[in-house]
Amino acid sequence: MYYEYLTVGIVLFILGVLGIVLNRSNLIIMLMSIELMLLAISFTMTLFSVVIDNLIGQIFTIMVLTVAAAESAIGLAILVAYYRVRGTIAVKSLNLLRG
């Protein structure tokens, strides 16, 4: 009944994990994969909230999406600042951030 939607959520999460595992060189794609994983979790949580007829899952999903949007904005701002200083956003050159 709801198995199709659950399958979509699982496939989206697996695609996000594969995006991080298979692509270690592009930081923007890694951030997009993290966002895809968060959206898959939120989708699945909303699905279960509808199935059990409870609003807590939907409220928590809205909070997760708000935090994900803030995290994405801060991450992109850091990337832009780092690109202006170094001229590249390759993951190999990020070891300079360790301090």
N, C-alpha and C. Protein backbone atom coordinates (compact mmCIF):
# COMPACT_ATOMS: atom_id res chain seq x y z
N MET A 1 0.83 -1.17 0.00
CA MET A 1 0.00 0.00 0.00
C MET A 1 0.88 1.25 0.00
N TYR A 2 1.71 1.43 1.00
CA TYR A 2 2.64 2.55 1.04
C TYR A 2 4.06 2.10 0.70
N TYR A 3 4.21 0.88 0.23
CA TYR A 3 5.53 0.34 -0.01
C TYR A 3 6.24 1.05 -1.16
N GLU A 4 5.46 1.55 -2.13
CA GLU A 4 6.08 2.25 -3.25
C GLU A 4 6.77 3.52 -2.77
N TYR A 5 6.12 4.24 -1.88
CA TYR A 5 6.70 5.47 -1.36
C TYR A 5 7.92 5.18 -0.48
N LEU A 6 7.83 4.12 0.29
CA LEU A 6 8.97 3.73 1.11
C LEU A 6 10.15 3.34 0.24
N THR A 7 9.88 2.67 -0.88
CA THR A 7 10.93 2.31 -1.81
C THR A 7 11.58 3.56 -2.41
N VAL A 8 10.78 4.56 -2.72
CA VAL A 8 11.32 5.82 -3.25
C VAL A 8 12.24 6.47 -2.22
N GLY A 9 11.83 6.50 -0.96
CA GLY A 9 12.67 7.07 0.09
C GLY A 9 13.97 6.32 0.26
N ILE A 10 13.92 5.01 0.23
CA ILE A 10 15.13 4.20 0.38
C ILE A 10 16.07 4.40 -0.81
N VAL A 11 15.50 4.45 -2.02
CA VAL A 11 16.32 4.65 -3.21
C VAL A 11 16.99 6.03 -3.18
N LEU A 12 16.26 7.06 -2.76
CA LEU A 12 16.86 8.39 -2.65
C LEU A 12 17.99 8.41 -1.63
N PHE A 13 17.80 7.74 -0.51
CA PHE A 13 18.85 7.71 0.51
C PHE A 13 20.08 6.98 -0.01
N ILE A 14 19.88 5.87 -0.70
CA ILE A 14 21.01 5.11 -1.25
C ILE A 14 21.74 5.93 -2.31
N LEU A 15 21.00 6.69 -3.12
CA LEU A 15 21.64 7.56 -4.11
C LEU A 15 22.49 8.63 -3.43
N GLY A 16 22.02 9.15 -2.31
CA GLY A 16 22.81 10.13 -1.56
C GLY A 16 24.08 9.52 -1.00
N VAL A 17 23.97 8.33 -0.45
CA VAL A 17 25.16 7.64 0.08
C VAL A 17 26.15 7.35 -1.04
N LEU A 18 25.64 6.88 -2.17
CA LEU A 18 26.53 6.60 -3.31
C LEU A 18 27.17 7.88 -3.84
N GLY A 19 26.46 8.98 -3.79
CA GLY A 19 27.03 10.25 -4.22
C GLY A 19 28.21 10.67 -3.36
N ILE A 20 28.16 10.36 -2.08
CA ILE A 20 29.28 10.70 -1.19
C ILE A 20 30.42 9.70 -1.37
N VAL A 21 30.08 8.42 -1.44
CA VAL A 21 31.11 7.38 -1.50
C VAL A 21 31.85 7.41 -2.84
N LEU A 22 31.12 7.54 -3.93
CA LEU A 22 31.74 7.43 -5.24
C LEU A 22 32.40 8.73 -5.72
N ASN A 23 31.98 9.85 -5.18
CA ASN A 23 32.54 11.12 -5.63
C ASN A 23 33.23 11.81 -4.47
N ARG A 24 34.50 11.60 -4.36
CA ARG A 24 35.28 12.21 -3.28
C ARG A 24 36.03 13.45 -3.73
N SER A 25 35.86 13.88 -4.98
CA SER A 25 36.67 15.00 -5.46
C SER A 25 35.90 16.31 -5.51
N ASN A 26 34.59 16.28 -5.71
CA ASN A 26 33.82 17.50 -5.86
C ASN A 26 33.00 17.75 -4.60
N LEU A 27 33.30 18.84 -3.94
CA LEU A 27 32.66 19.14 -2.66
C LEU A 27 31.20 19.55 -2.82
N ILE A 28 30.87 20.19 -3.91
CA ILE A 28 29.49 20.61 -4.13
C ILE A 28 28.58 19.40 -4.30
N ILE A 29 29.04 18.41 -5.04
CA ILE A 29 28.25 17.19 -5.21
C ILE A 29 28.11 16.45 -3.88
N MET A 30 29.14 16.50 -3.05
CA MET A 30 29.04 15.87 -1.73
C MET A 30 27.99 16.57 -0.87
N LEU A 31 27.96 17.91 -0.90
CA LEU A 31 26.94 18.64 -0.15
C LEU A 31 25.54 18.35 -0.69
N MET A 32 25.41 18.26 -2.00
CA MET A 32 24.11 17.93 -2.58
C MET A 32 23.67 16.52 -2.19
N SER A 33 24.62 15.60 -2.07
CA SER A 33 24.29 14.24 -1.66
C SER A 33 23.82 14.21 -0.21
N ILE A 34 24.44 15.00 0.64
CA ILE A 34 23.99 15.09 2.03
C ILE A 34 22.57 15.65 2.10
N GLU A 35 22.29 16.66 1.29
CA GLU A 35 20.94 17.22 1.25
C GLU A 35 19.94 16.19 0.74
N LEU A 36 20.33 15.39 -0.25
CA LEU A 36 19.45 14.35 -0.76
C LEU A 36 19.15 13.31 0.31
N MET A 37 20.15 12.98 1.11
CA MET A 37 19.93 12.04 2.21
C MET A 37 18.96 12.62 3.24
N LEU A 38 19.13 13.90 3.57
CA LEU A 38 18.21 14.53 4.52
C LEU A 38 16.78 14.58 3.97
N LEU A 39 16.65 14.86 2.69
CA LEU A 39 15.31 14.89 2.09
C LEU A 39 14.68 13.51 2.05
N ALA A 40 15.48 12.48 1.81
CA ALA A 40 14.95 11.11 1.82
C ALA A 40 14.45 10.73 3.20
N ILE A 41 15.22 11.08 4.22
CA ILE A 41 14.80 10.81 5.60
C ILE A 41 13.52 11.57 5.92
N SER A 42 13.46 12.82 5.51
CA SER A 42 12.27 13.63 5.78
C SER A 42 11.05 13.08 5.05
N PHE A 43 11.24 12.63 3.82
CA PHE A 43 10.14 12.04 3.06
C PHE A 43 9.63 10.78 3.74
N THR A 44 10.54 9.94 4.19
CA THR A 44 10.14 8.70 4.86
C THR A 44 9.46 9.00 6.19
N MET A 45 9.97 9.98 6.91
CA MET A 45 9.36 10.34 8.19
C MET A 45 7.95 10.90 7.99
N THR A 46 7.77 11.69 6.95
CA THR A 46 6.44 12.20 6.64
C THR A 46 5.50 11.07 6.24
N LEU A 47 6.02 10.12 5.48
CA LEU A 47 5.21 8.96 5.08
C LEU A 47 4.73 8.18 6.30
N PHE A 48 5.64 7.90 7.22
CA PHE A 48 5.24 7.15 8.41
C PHE A 48 4.31 7.97 9.30
N SER A 49 4.47 9.28 9.29
CA SER A 49 3.57 10.12 10.06
C SER A 49 2.15 10.06 9.50
N VAL A 50 2.04 10.01 8.19
CA VAL A 50 0.72 9.90 7.57
C VAL A 50 0.13 8.52 7.82
N VAL A 51 0.96 7.49 7.75
CA VAL A 51 0.47 6.12 7.93
C VAL A 51 -0.08 5.91 9.34
N ILE A 52 0.64 6.39 10.36
CA ILE A 52 0.18 6.18 11.74
C ILE A 52 -0.73 7.30 12.23
N ASP A 53 -1.02 8.27 11.36
CA ASP A 53 -1.94 9.38 11.66
C ASP A 53 -1.48 10.17 12.89
N ASN A 54 -0.24 10.65 12.80
CA ASN A 54 0.35 11.41 13.89
C ASN A 54 1.08 12.61 13.28
N LEU A 55 0.93 13.77 13.90
CA LEU A 55 1.54 14.98 13.34
C LEU A 55 2.98 15.20 13.79
N ILE A 56 3.47 14.46 14.75
CA ILE A 56 4.81 14.68 15.28
C ILE A 56 5.87 14.49 14.20
N GLY A 57 5.72 13.48 13.35
CA GLY A 57 6.67 13.25 12.28
C GLY A 57 6.71 14.39 11.27
N GLN A 58 5.57 14.96 10.97
CA GLN A 58 5.51 16.07 10.03
C GLN A 58 6.13 17.33 10.62
N ILE A 59 5.90 17.57 11.89
CA ILE A 59 6.50 18.73 12.56
C ILE A 59 8.01 18.57 12.62
N PHE A 60 8.46 17.37 12.95
CA PHE A 60 9.90 17.12 13.00
C PHE A 60 10.53 17.25 11.61
N THR A 61 9.80 16.85 10.57
CA THR A 61 10.29 17.00 9.21
C THR A 61 10.48 18.47 8.85
N ILE A 62 9.56 19.31 9.26
CA ILE A 62 9.71 20.75 8.99
C ILE A 62 10.93 21.30 9.71
N MET A 63 11.18 20.84 10.93
CA MET A 63 12.37 21.30 11.65
C MET A 63 13.65 20.82 10.97
N VAL A 64 13.66 19.56 10.52
CA VAL A 64 14.84 19.02 9.84
C VAL A 64 15.11 19.78 8.56
N LEU A 65 14.07 20.10 7.80
CA LEU A 65 14.25 20.85 6.56
C LEU A 65 14.74 22.27 6.83
N THR A 66 14.31 22.87 7.92
CA THR A 66 14.80 24.20 8.27
C THR A 66 16.28 24.17 8.60
N VAL A 67 16.69 23.20 9.40
CA VAL A 67 18.11 23.05 9.74
C VAL A 67 18.93 22.71 8.50
N ALA A 68 18.38 21.89 7.61
CA ALA A 68 19.09 21.53 6.38
C ALA A 68 19.28 22.74 5.48
N ALA A 69 18.29 23.62 5.41
CA ALA A 69 18.43 24.82 4.60
C ALA A 69 19.50 25.75 5.18
N ALA A 70 19.53 25.88 6.50
CA ALA A 70 20.56 26.71 7.12
C ALA A 70 21.94 26.11 6.93
N GLU A 71 22.04 24.79 7.06
CA GLU A 71 23.33 24.11 6.86
C GLU A 71 23.81 24.25 5.43
N SER A 72 22.90 24.18 4.49
CA SER A 72 23.27 24.32 3.09
C SER A 72 23.74 25.75 2.80
N ALA A 73 23.08 26.73 3.33
CA ALA A 73 23.48 28.12 3.10
C ALA A 73 24.84 28.41 3.72
N ILE A 74 25.08 27.92 4.92
CA ILE A 74 26.37 28.15 5.57
C ILE A 74 27.47 27.41 4.84
N GLY A 75 27.20 26.17 4.41
CA GLY A 75 28.20 25.40 3.67
C GLY A 75 28.58 26.06 2.36
N LEU A 76 27.59 26.55 1.63
CA LEU A 76 27.89 27.22 0.37
C LEU A 76 28.63 28.54 0.59
N ALA A 77 28.31 29.24 1.66
CA ALA A 77 29.03 30.48 1.97
C ALA A 77 30.50 30.20 2.29
N ILE A 78 30.75 29.14 3.03
CA ILE A 78 32.13 28.75 3.33
C ILE A 78 32.86 28.35 2.05
N LEU A 79 32.18 27.62 1.17
CA LEU A 79 32.79 27.23 -0.10
C LEU A 79 33.14 28.43 -0.97
N VAL A 80 32.26 29.42 -1.03
CA VAL A 80 32.54 30.62 -1.83
C VAL A 80 33.73 31.37 -1.25
N ALA A 81 33.77 31.51 0.07
CA ALA A 81 34.90 32.21 0.70
C ALA A 81 36.20 31.44 0.48
N TYR A 82 36.16 30.13 0.58
CA TYR A 82 37.36 29.32 0.37
C TYR A 82 37.81 29.39 -1.09
N TYR A 83 36.86 29.41 -2.02
CA TYR A 83 37.22 29.49 -3.43
C TYR A 83 37.87 30.83 -3.76
N ARG A 84 37.40 31.89 -3.12
CA ARG A 84 38.00 33.21 -3.37
C ARG A 84 39.43 33.28 -2.86
N VAL A 85 39.71 32.59 -1.78
CA VAL A 85 41.06 32.62 -1.21
C VAL A 85 42.00 31.69 -1.97
N ARG A 86 41.59 30.46 -2.21
CA ARG A 86 42.47 29.43 -2.78
C ARG A 86 42.34 29.25 -4.29
N GLY A 87 41.18 29.56 -4.86
CA GLY A 87 40.98 29.37 -6.29
C GLY A 87 40.53 27.98 -6.67
N THR A 88 40.30 27.11 -5.72
CA THR A 88 39.82 25.76 -6.00
C THR A 88 39.02 25.26 -4.80
N ILE A 89 38.11 24.33 -5.10
CA ILE A 89 37.34 23.70 -4.01
C ILE A 89 37.53 22.20 -4.04
N ALA A 90 38.63 21.75 -4.59
CA ALA A 90 38.92 20.32 -4.62
C ALA A 90 39.09 19.80 -3.20
N VAL A 91 38.59 18.61 -2.96
CA VAL A 91 38.65 18.02 -1.62
C VAL A 91 40.10 17.77 -1.20
N LYS A 92 40.95 17.50 -2.15
CA LYS A 92 42.36 17.23 -1.83
C LYS A 92 43.05 18.44 -1.21
N SER A 93 42.61 19.64 -1.59
CA SER A 93 43.27 20.84 -1.08
C SER A 93 42.64 21.34 0.21
N LEU A 94 41.63 20.67 0.73
CA LEU A 94 40.96 21.14 1.94
C LEU A 94 41.70 20.77 3.22
N ASN A 95 42.80 20.04 3.14
CA ASN A 95 43.54 19.70 4.36
C ASN A 95 44.18 20.94 4.97
N LEU A 96 44.19 22.05 4.27
CA LEU A 96 44.72 23.30 4.83
C LEU A 96 43.79 23.88 5.90
N LEU A 97 42.55 23.42 5.96
CA LEU A 97 41.60 23.94 6.93
C LEU A 97 41.76 23.35 8.32
N ARG A 98 42.62 22.39 8.47
CA ARG A 98 42.75 21.70 9.77
C ARG A 98 43.35 22.58 10.85
N GLY A 99 44.14 23.51 10.50
CA GLY A 99 44.66 24.47 11.46
C GLY A 99 45.86 24.09 12.13
